[in-house]
PDB file of N, CA and C in Angstrom:
ATOM      1  N   MET A   1      64.907 168.937  95.601  1.00  0.00           N
ATOM      2  CA  MET A   1      66.191 169.004  94.943  1.00  0.00           C
ATOM      3  C   MET A   1      67.241 167.733  95.517  1.00  0.00           C
ATOM      4  N   GLY A   2      68.073 166.929  94.432  1.00  0.00           N
ATOM      5  CA  GLY A   2      68.478 165.928  94.883  1.00  0.00           C
ATOM      6  C   GLY A   2      67.858 164.604  94.983  1.00  0.00           C
ATOM      7  N   ARG A   3      66.761 164.487  93.775  1.00  0.00           N
ATOM      8  CA  ARG A   3      66.308 163.758  93.740  1.00  0.00           C
ATOM      9  C   ARG A   3      67.106 162.971  92.263  1.00  0.00           C
ATOM     10  N   GLY A   4      67.600 163.886  91.605  1.00  0.00           N
ATOM     11  CA  GLY A   4      67.654 163.699  90.116  1.00  0.00           C
ATOM     12  C   GLY A   4      68.551 162.324  90.277  1.00  0.00           C
ATOM     13  N   ARG A   5      69.703 162.003  91.075  1.00  0.00           N
ATOM     14  CA  ARG A   5      70.111 160.700  91.210  1.00  0.00           C
ATOM     15  C   ARG A   5      69.364 159.540  91.180  1.00  0.00           C
ATOM     16  N   ALA A   6      68.596 159.753  92.276  1.00  0.00           N
ATOM     17  CA  ALA A   6      68.061 158.823  92.685  1.00  0.00           C
ATOM     18  C   ALA A   6      67.076 158.034  91.614  1.00  0.00           C
ATOM     19  N   LYS A   7      66.379 159.402  90.984  1.00  0.00           N
ATOM     20  CA  LYS A   7      65.082 159.030  90.143  1.00  0.00           C
ATOM     21  C   LYS A   7      65.727 158.173  88.711  1.00  0.00           C
ATOM     22  N   ALA A   8      67.484 158.700  88.448  1.00  0.00           N
ATOM     23  CA  ALA A   8      68.059 158.125  87.499  1.00  0.00           C
ATOM     24  C   ALA A   8      68.270 156.634  87.581  1.00  0.00           C
ATOM     25  N   LYS A   9      68.599 156.636  88.684  1.00  0.00           N
ATOM     26  CA  LYS A   9      69.164 155.422  88.976  1.00  0.00           C
ATOM     27  C   LYS A   9      67.770 154.242  88.991  1.00  0.00           C
ATOM     28  N   GLN A  10      66.319 154.808  89.627  1.00  0.00           N
ATOM     29  CA  GLN A  10      65.308 153.898  89.539  1.00  0.00           C
ATOM     30  C   GLN A  10      64.729 153.856  87.986  1.00  0.00           C
ATOM     31  N   THR A  11      65.132 154.431  86.990  1.00  0.00           N
ATOM     32  CA  THR A  11      64.767 154.573  85.790  1.00  0.00           C
ATOM     33  C   THR A  11      65.970 153.255  85.214  1.00  0.00           C
ATOM     34  N   LYS A  12      67.240 153.582  85.423  1.00  0.00           N
ATOM     35  CA  LYS A  12      68.096 152.723  84.964  1.00  0.00           C
ATOM     36  C   LYS A  12      67.796 151.121  85.740  1.00  0.00           C
ATOM     37  N   VAL A  13      67.048 151.003  86.441  1.00  0.00           N
ATOM     38  CA  VAL A  13      66.626 149.731  87.040  1.00  0.00           C
ATOM     39  C   VAL A  13      65.778 149.259  86.668  1.00  0.00           C
ATOM     40  N   ALA A  14      64.610 150.004  86.130  1.00  0.00           N
ATOM     41  CA  ALA A  14      63.502 149.274  85.318  1.00  0.00           C
ATOM     42  C   ALA A  14      63.751 149.108  84.014  1.00  0.00           C
ATOM     43  N   ARG A  15      64.728 150.193  83.304  1.00  0.00           N
ATOM     44  CA  ARG A  15      64.510 150.171  82.022  1.00  0.00           C
ATOM     45  C   ARG A  15      65.582 148.480  81.910  1.00  0.00           C
ATOM     46  N   GLU A  16      66.706 148.287  82.677  1.00  0.00           N
ATOM     47  CA  GLU A  16      66.803 146.854  82.999  1.00  0.00           C
ATOM     48  C   GLU A  16      66.073 145.774  83.152  1.00  0.00           C
ATOM     49  N   LEU A  17      65.385 145.790  84.021  1.00  0.00           N
ATOM     50  CA  LEU A  17      64.141 144.827  84.146  1.00  0.00           C
ATOM     51  C   LEU A  17      63.365 144.755  82.876  1.00  0.00           C
ATOM     52  N   LYS A  18      62.935 146.300  82.644  1.00  0.00           N
ATOM     53  CA  LYS A  18      62.028 145.682  81.467  1.00  0.00           C
ATOM     54  C   LYS A  18      62.534 144.825  80.074  1.00  0.00           C
ATOM     55  N   TYR A  19      63.533 145.229  79.650  1.00  0.00           N
ATOM     56  CA  TYR A  19      64.718 145.018  78.616  1.00  0.00           C
ATOM     57  C   TYR A  19      65.699 143.762  78.914  1.00  0.00           C
ATOM     58  N   SER A  20      65.686 143.234  79.744  1.00  0.00           N
ATOM     59  CA  SER A  20      66.508 141.969  79.706  1.00  0.00           C
ATOM     60  C   SER A  20      65.849 140.889  80.088  1.00  0.00           C
ATOM     61  N   SER A  21      66.715 140.038  79.281  1.00  0.00           N
ATOM     62  CA  SER A  21      65.956 138.537  79.205  1.00  0.00           C
ATOM     63  C   SER A  21      66.699 137.559  80.042  1.00  0.00           C
ATOM     64  N   PRO A  22      66.209 137.093  81.258  1.00  0.00           N
ATOM     65  CA  PRO A  22      66.808 136.156  82.080  1.00  0.00           C
ATOM     66  C   PRO A  22      67.368 134.789  81.705  1.00  0.00           C
ATOM     67  N   ASN A  23      68.332 134.443  82.036  1.00  0.00           N
ATOM     68  CA  ASN A  23      68.048 132.873  81.474  1.00  0.00           C
ATOM     69  C   ASN A  23      67.546 132.121  82.396  1.00  0.00           C
ATOM     70  N   THR A  24      66.431 131.390  81.747  1.00  0.00           N
ATOM     71  CA  THR A  24      65.806 130.372  82.401  1.00  0.00           C
ATOM     72  C   THR A  24      65.637 128.725  81.934  1.00  0.00           C
ATOM     73  N   ASP A  25      66.046 127.771  83.105  1.00  0.00           N
ATOM     74  CA  ASP A  25      66.582 126.676  82.883  1.00  0.00           C
ATOM     75  C   ASP A  25      64.483 125.821  82.389  1.00  0.00           C
ATOM     76  N   PHE A  26      64.483 126.061  81.292  1.00  0.00           N
ATOM     77  CA  PHE A  26      62.888 125.326  81.123  1.00  0.00           C
ATOM     78  C   PHE A  26      62.658 124.024  81.173  1.00  0.00           C
ATOM     79  N   ASP A  27      63.932 122.941  81.465  1.00  0.00           N
ATOM     80  CA  ASP A  27      63.876 121.702  81.982  1.00  0.00           C
ATOM     81  C   ASP A  27      63.985 121.744  83.282  1.00  0.00           C
ATOM     82  N   ALA A  28      64.495 122.373  84.050  1.00  0.00           N
ATOM     83  CA  ALA A  28      63.731 122.343  85.299  1.00  0.00           C
ATOM     84  C   ALA A  28      62.927 123.227  85.843  1.00  0.00           C
ATOM     85  N   LEU A  29      61.944 123.871  85.169  1.00  0.00           N
ATOM     86  CA  LEU A  29      60.854 124.392  85.563  1.00  0.00           C
ATOM     87  C   LEU A  29      59.791 123.185  84.854  1.00  0.00           C
ATOM     88  N   GLN A  30      60.062 122.701  83.992  1.00  0.00           N
ATOM     89  CA  GLN A  30      59.065 121.483  83.676  1.00  0.00           C
ATOM     90  C   GLN A  30      59.325 120.312  84.460  1.00  0.00           C
ATOM     91  N   GLN A  31      60.385 120.169  85.326  1.00  0.00           N
ATOM     92  CA  GLN A  31      60.142 118.887  86.181  1.00  0.00           C
ATOM     93  C   GLN A  31      59.719 119.321  87.552  1.00  0.00           C
ATOM     94  N   GLU A  32      59.894 120.491  87.610  1.00  0.00           N
ATOM     95  CA  GLU A  32      59.284 121.025  88.854  1.00  0.00           C
ATOM     96  C   GLU A  32      57.770 120.983  88.945  1.00  0.00           C
ATOM     97  N   LEU A  33      57.139 121.246  87.705  1.00  0.00           N
ATOM     98  CA  LEU A  33      55.840 121.604  87.501  1.00  0.00           C
ATOM     99  C   LEU A  33      55.541 120.043  87.085  1.00  0.00           C
ATOM    100  N   GLY A  34      56.081 119.253  86.730  1.00  0.00           N
ATOM    101  CA  GLY A  34      55.115 117.952  86.595  1.00  0.00           C
ATOM    102  C   GLY A  34      55.927 116.975  87.389  1.00  0.00           C
ATOM    103  N   SER A  35      56.314 117.347  88.673  1.00  0.00           N
ATOM    104  CA  SER A  35      57.089 116.192  89.764  1.00  0.00           C
ATOM    105  C   SER A  35      55.787 115.627  90.365  1.00  0.00           C
ATOM    106  N   GLY A  36      54.518 115.985  90.101  1.00  0.00           N
ATOM    107  CA  GLY A  36      53.520 114.829  90.807  1.00  0.00           C
ATOM    108  C   GLY A  36      53.066 115.748  91.902  1.00  0.00           C
ATOM    109  N   ASP A  37      53.820 116.581  92.804  1.00  0.00           N
ATOM    110  CA  ASP A  37      53.715 117.078  94.282  1.00  0.00           C
ATOM    111  C   ASP A  37      52.114 117.554  94.045  1.00  0.00           C
ATOM    112  N   ASP A  38      51.711 116.650  95.069  1.00  0.00           N
ATOM    113  CA  ASP A  38      50.111 117.327  95.526  1.00  0.00           C
ATOM    114  C   ASP A  38      49.999 118.348  97.022  1.00  0.00           C
ATOM    115  N   ARG A  39      50.946 118.677  97.179  1.00  0.00           N
ATOM    116  CA  ARG A  39      51.095 119.481  98.588  1.00  0.00           C
ATOM    117  C   ARG A  39      49.831 120.337  98.561  1.00  0.00           C
ATOM    118  N   PHE A  40      49.643 121.381  97.559  1.00  0.00           N
ATOM    119  CA  PHE A  40      48.721 122.278  97.405  1.00  0.00           C
ATOM    120  C   PHE A  40      47.545 121.886  96.916  1.00  0.00           C
ATOM    121  N   THR A  41      47.378 120.810  96.616  1.00  0.00           N
ATOM    122  CA  THR A  41      45.877 120.369  96.185  1.00  0.00           C
ATOM    123  C   THR A  41      45.145 119.426  97.029  1.00  0.00           C
ATOM    124  N   ARG A  42      46.518 118.516  98.119  1.00  0.00           N
ATOM    125  CA  ARG A  42      46.245 117.483  98.895  1.00  0.00           C
ATOM    126  C   ARG A  42      45.076 118.182 100.300  1.00  0.00           C
ATOM    127  N   ARG A  43      44.284 117.318 100.422  1.00  0.00           N
ATOM    128  CA  ARG A  43      43.161 117.877 101.741  1.00  0.00           C
ATOM    129  C   ARG A  43      43.651 116.804 102.882  1.00  0.00           C
ATOM    130  N   SER A  44      43.744 117.592 104.281  1.00  0.00           N
ATOM    131  CA  SER A  44      44.280 116.612 105.440  1.00  0.00           C
ATOM    132  C   SER A  44      42.681 116.371 106.523  1.00  0.00           C
ATOM    133  N   ASP A  45      42.794 115.712 107.288  1.00  0.00           N
ATOM    134  CA  ASP A  45      41.484 115.660 108.242  1.00  0.00           C
ATOM    135  C   ASP A  45      41.272 116.695 108.912  1.00  0.00           C
ATOM    136  N   ASP A  46      42.198 117.449 108.892  1.00  0.00           N
ATOM    137  CA  ASP A  46      42.088 118.849 109.613  1.00  0.00           C
ATOM    138  C   ASP A  46      41.159 119.700 108.833  1.00  0.00           C
ATOM    139  N   ASP A  47      41.118 119.734 107.570  1.00  0.00           N
ATOM    140  CA  ASP A  47      40.487 120.761 106.416  1.00  0.00           C
ATOM    141  C   ASP A  47      39.253 120.352 106.526  1.00  0.00           C
ATOM    142  N   GLU A  48      38.743 119.347 106.520  1.00  0.00           N
ATOM    143  CA  GLU A  48      37.735 118.312 106.594  1.00  0.00           C
ATOM    144  C   GLU A  48      36.785 118.991 107.920  1.00  0.00           C
ATOM    145  N   GLN A  49      37.496 118.957 109.078  1.00  0.00           N
ATOM    146  CA  GLN A  49      36.816 119.261 110.138  1.00  0.00           C
ATOM    147  C   GLN A  49      36.503 120.884 109.987  1.00  0.00           C
ATOM    148  N   VAL A  50      37.491 121.871 109.769  1.00  0.00           N
ATOM    149  CA  VAL A  50      37.415 122.714 109.819  1.00  0.00           C
ATOM    150  C   VAL A  50      36.063 123.256 108.683  1.00  0.00           C
ATOM    151  N   ASP A  51      36.257 122.654 107.582  1.00  0.00           N
ATOM    152  CA  ASP A  51      34.893 122.598 106.708  1.00  0.00           C
ATOM    153  C   ASP A  51      33.578 122.663 107.448  1.00  0.00           C
ATOM    154  N   ALA A  52      33.584 121.409 108.044  1.00  0.00           N
ATOM    155  CA  ALA A  52      32.081 121.139 108.712  1.00  0.00           C
ATOM    156  C   ALA A  52      31.833 122.124 109.740  1.00  0.00           C
ATOM    157  N   ARG A  53      32.922 122.169 110.576  1.00  0.00           N
ATOM    158  CA  ARG A  53      32.971 123.285 111.676  1.00  0.00           C
ATOM    159  C   ARG A  53      32.452 124.882 111.072  1.00  0.00           C
ATOM    160  N   TRP A  54      32.764 125.603 110.148  1.00  0.00           N
ATOM    161  CA  TRP A  54      32.209 126.251 109.821  1.00  0.00           C
ATOM    162  C   TRP A  54      31.709 126.732 108.264  1.00  0.00           C
ATOM    163  N   GLY A  55      31.530 125.744 107.954  1.00  0.00           N
ATOM    164  CA  GLY A  55      30.849 125.632 106.481  1.00  0.00           C
ATOM    165  C   GLY A  55      29.336 126.342 106.719  1.00  0.00           C
ATOM    166  N   GLU A  56      28.651 126.034 107.637  1.00  0.00           N
ATOM    167  CA  GLU A  56      27.007 127.186 107.640  1.00  0.00           C
ATOM    168  C   GLU A  56      27.420 128.506 107.352  1.00  0.00           C
ATOM    169  N   TYR A  57      29.019 128.802 107.205  1.00  0.00           N
ATOM    170  CA  TYR A  57      29.132 130.333 107.537  1.00  0.00           C
ATOM    171  C   TYR A  57      29.385 130.959 105.978  1.00  0.00           C
ATOM    172  N   SER A  58      29.601 129.581 105.248  1.00  0.00           N
ATOM    173  CA  SER A  58      30.099 130.019 104.189  1.00  0.00           C
ATOM    174  C   SER A  58      28.991 130.858 102.832  1.00  0.00           C
ATOM    175  N   TYR A  59      29.415 131.638 102.208  1.00  0.00           N
ATOM    176  CA  TYR A  59      28.671 132.478 101.201  1.00  0.00           C
ATOM    177  C   TYR A  59      28.374 132.119  99.922  1.00  0.00           C
ATOM    178  N   ASP A  60      28.979 130.942 100.080  1.00  0.00           N
ATOM    179  CA  ASP A  60      29.396 130.539  98.153  1.00  0.00           C
ATOM    180  C   ASP A  60      27.665 130.144  97.917  1.00  0.00           C
ATOM    181  N   GLU A  61      27.239 130.522  97.119  1.00  0.00           N
ATOM    182  CA  GLU A  61      25.979 130.040  96.349  1.00  0.00           C
ATOM    183  C   GLU A  61      26.074 129.268  94.916  1.00  0.00           C
ATOM    184  N   ARG A  62      26.475 127.995  94.892  1.00  0.00           N
ATOM    185  CA  ARG A  62      27.085 127.531  93.892  1.00  0.00           C
ATOM    186  C   ARG A  62      25.704 126.882  93.121  1.00  0.00           C
TER     187      ARG A  62
END
């Protein structure tokens, strides 16, 4: 016993998340996605050294 209030609150929060529509700034999102920042796709010399050292252990059979 005693879980009724907690479950009701969880249900309320879940319903709010499911049916609410947050205000999204699409202009800011587009600017962020189209910024040209390649920090996730850029490779450094360290990556090349790690690939050379550990490449023989790779199981990628392409």
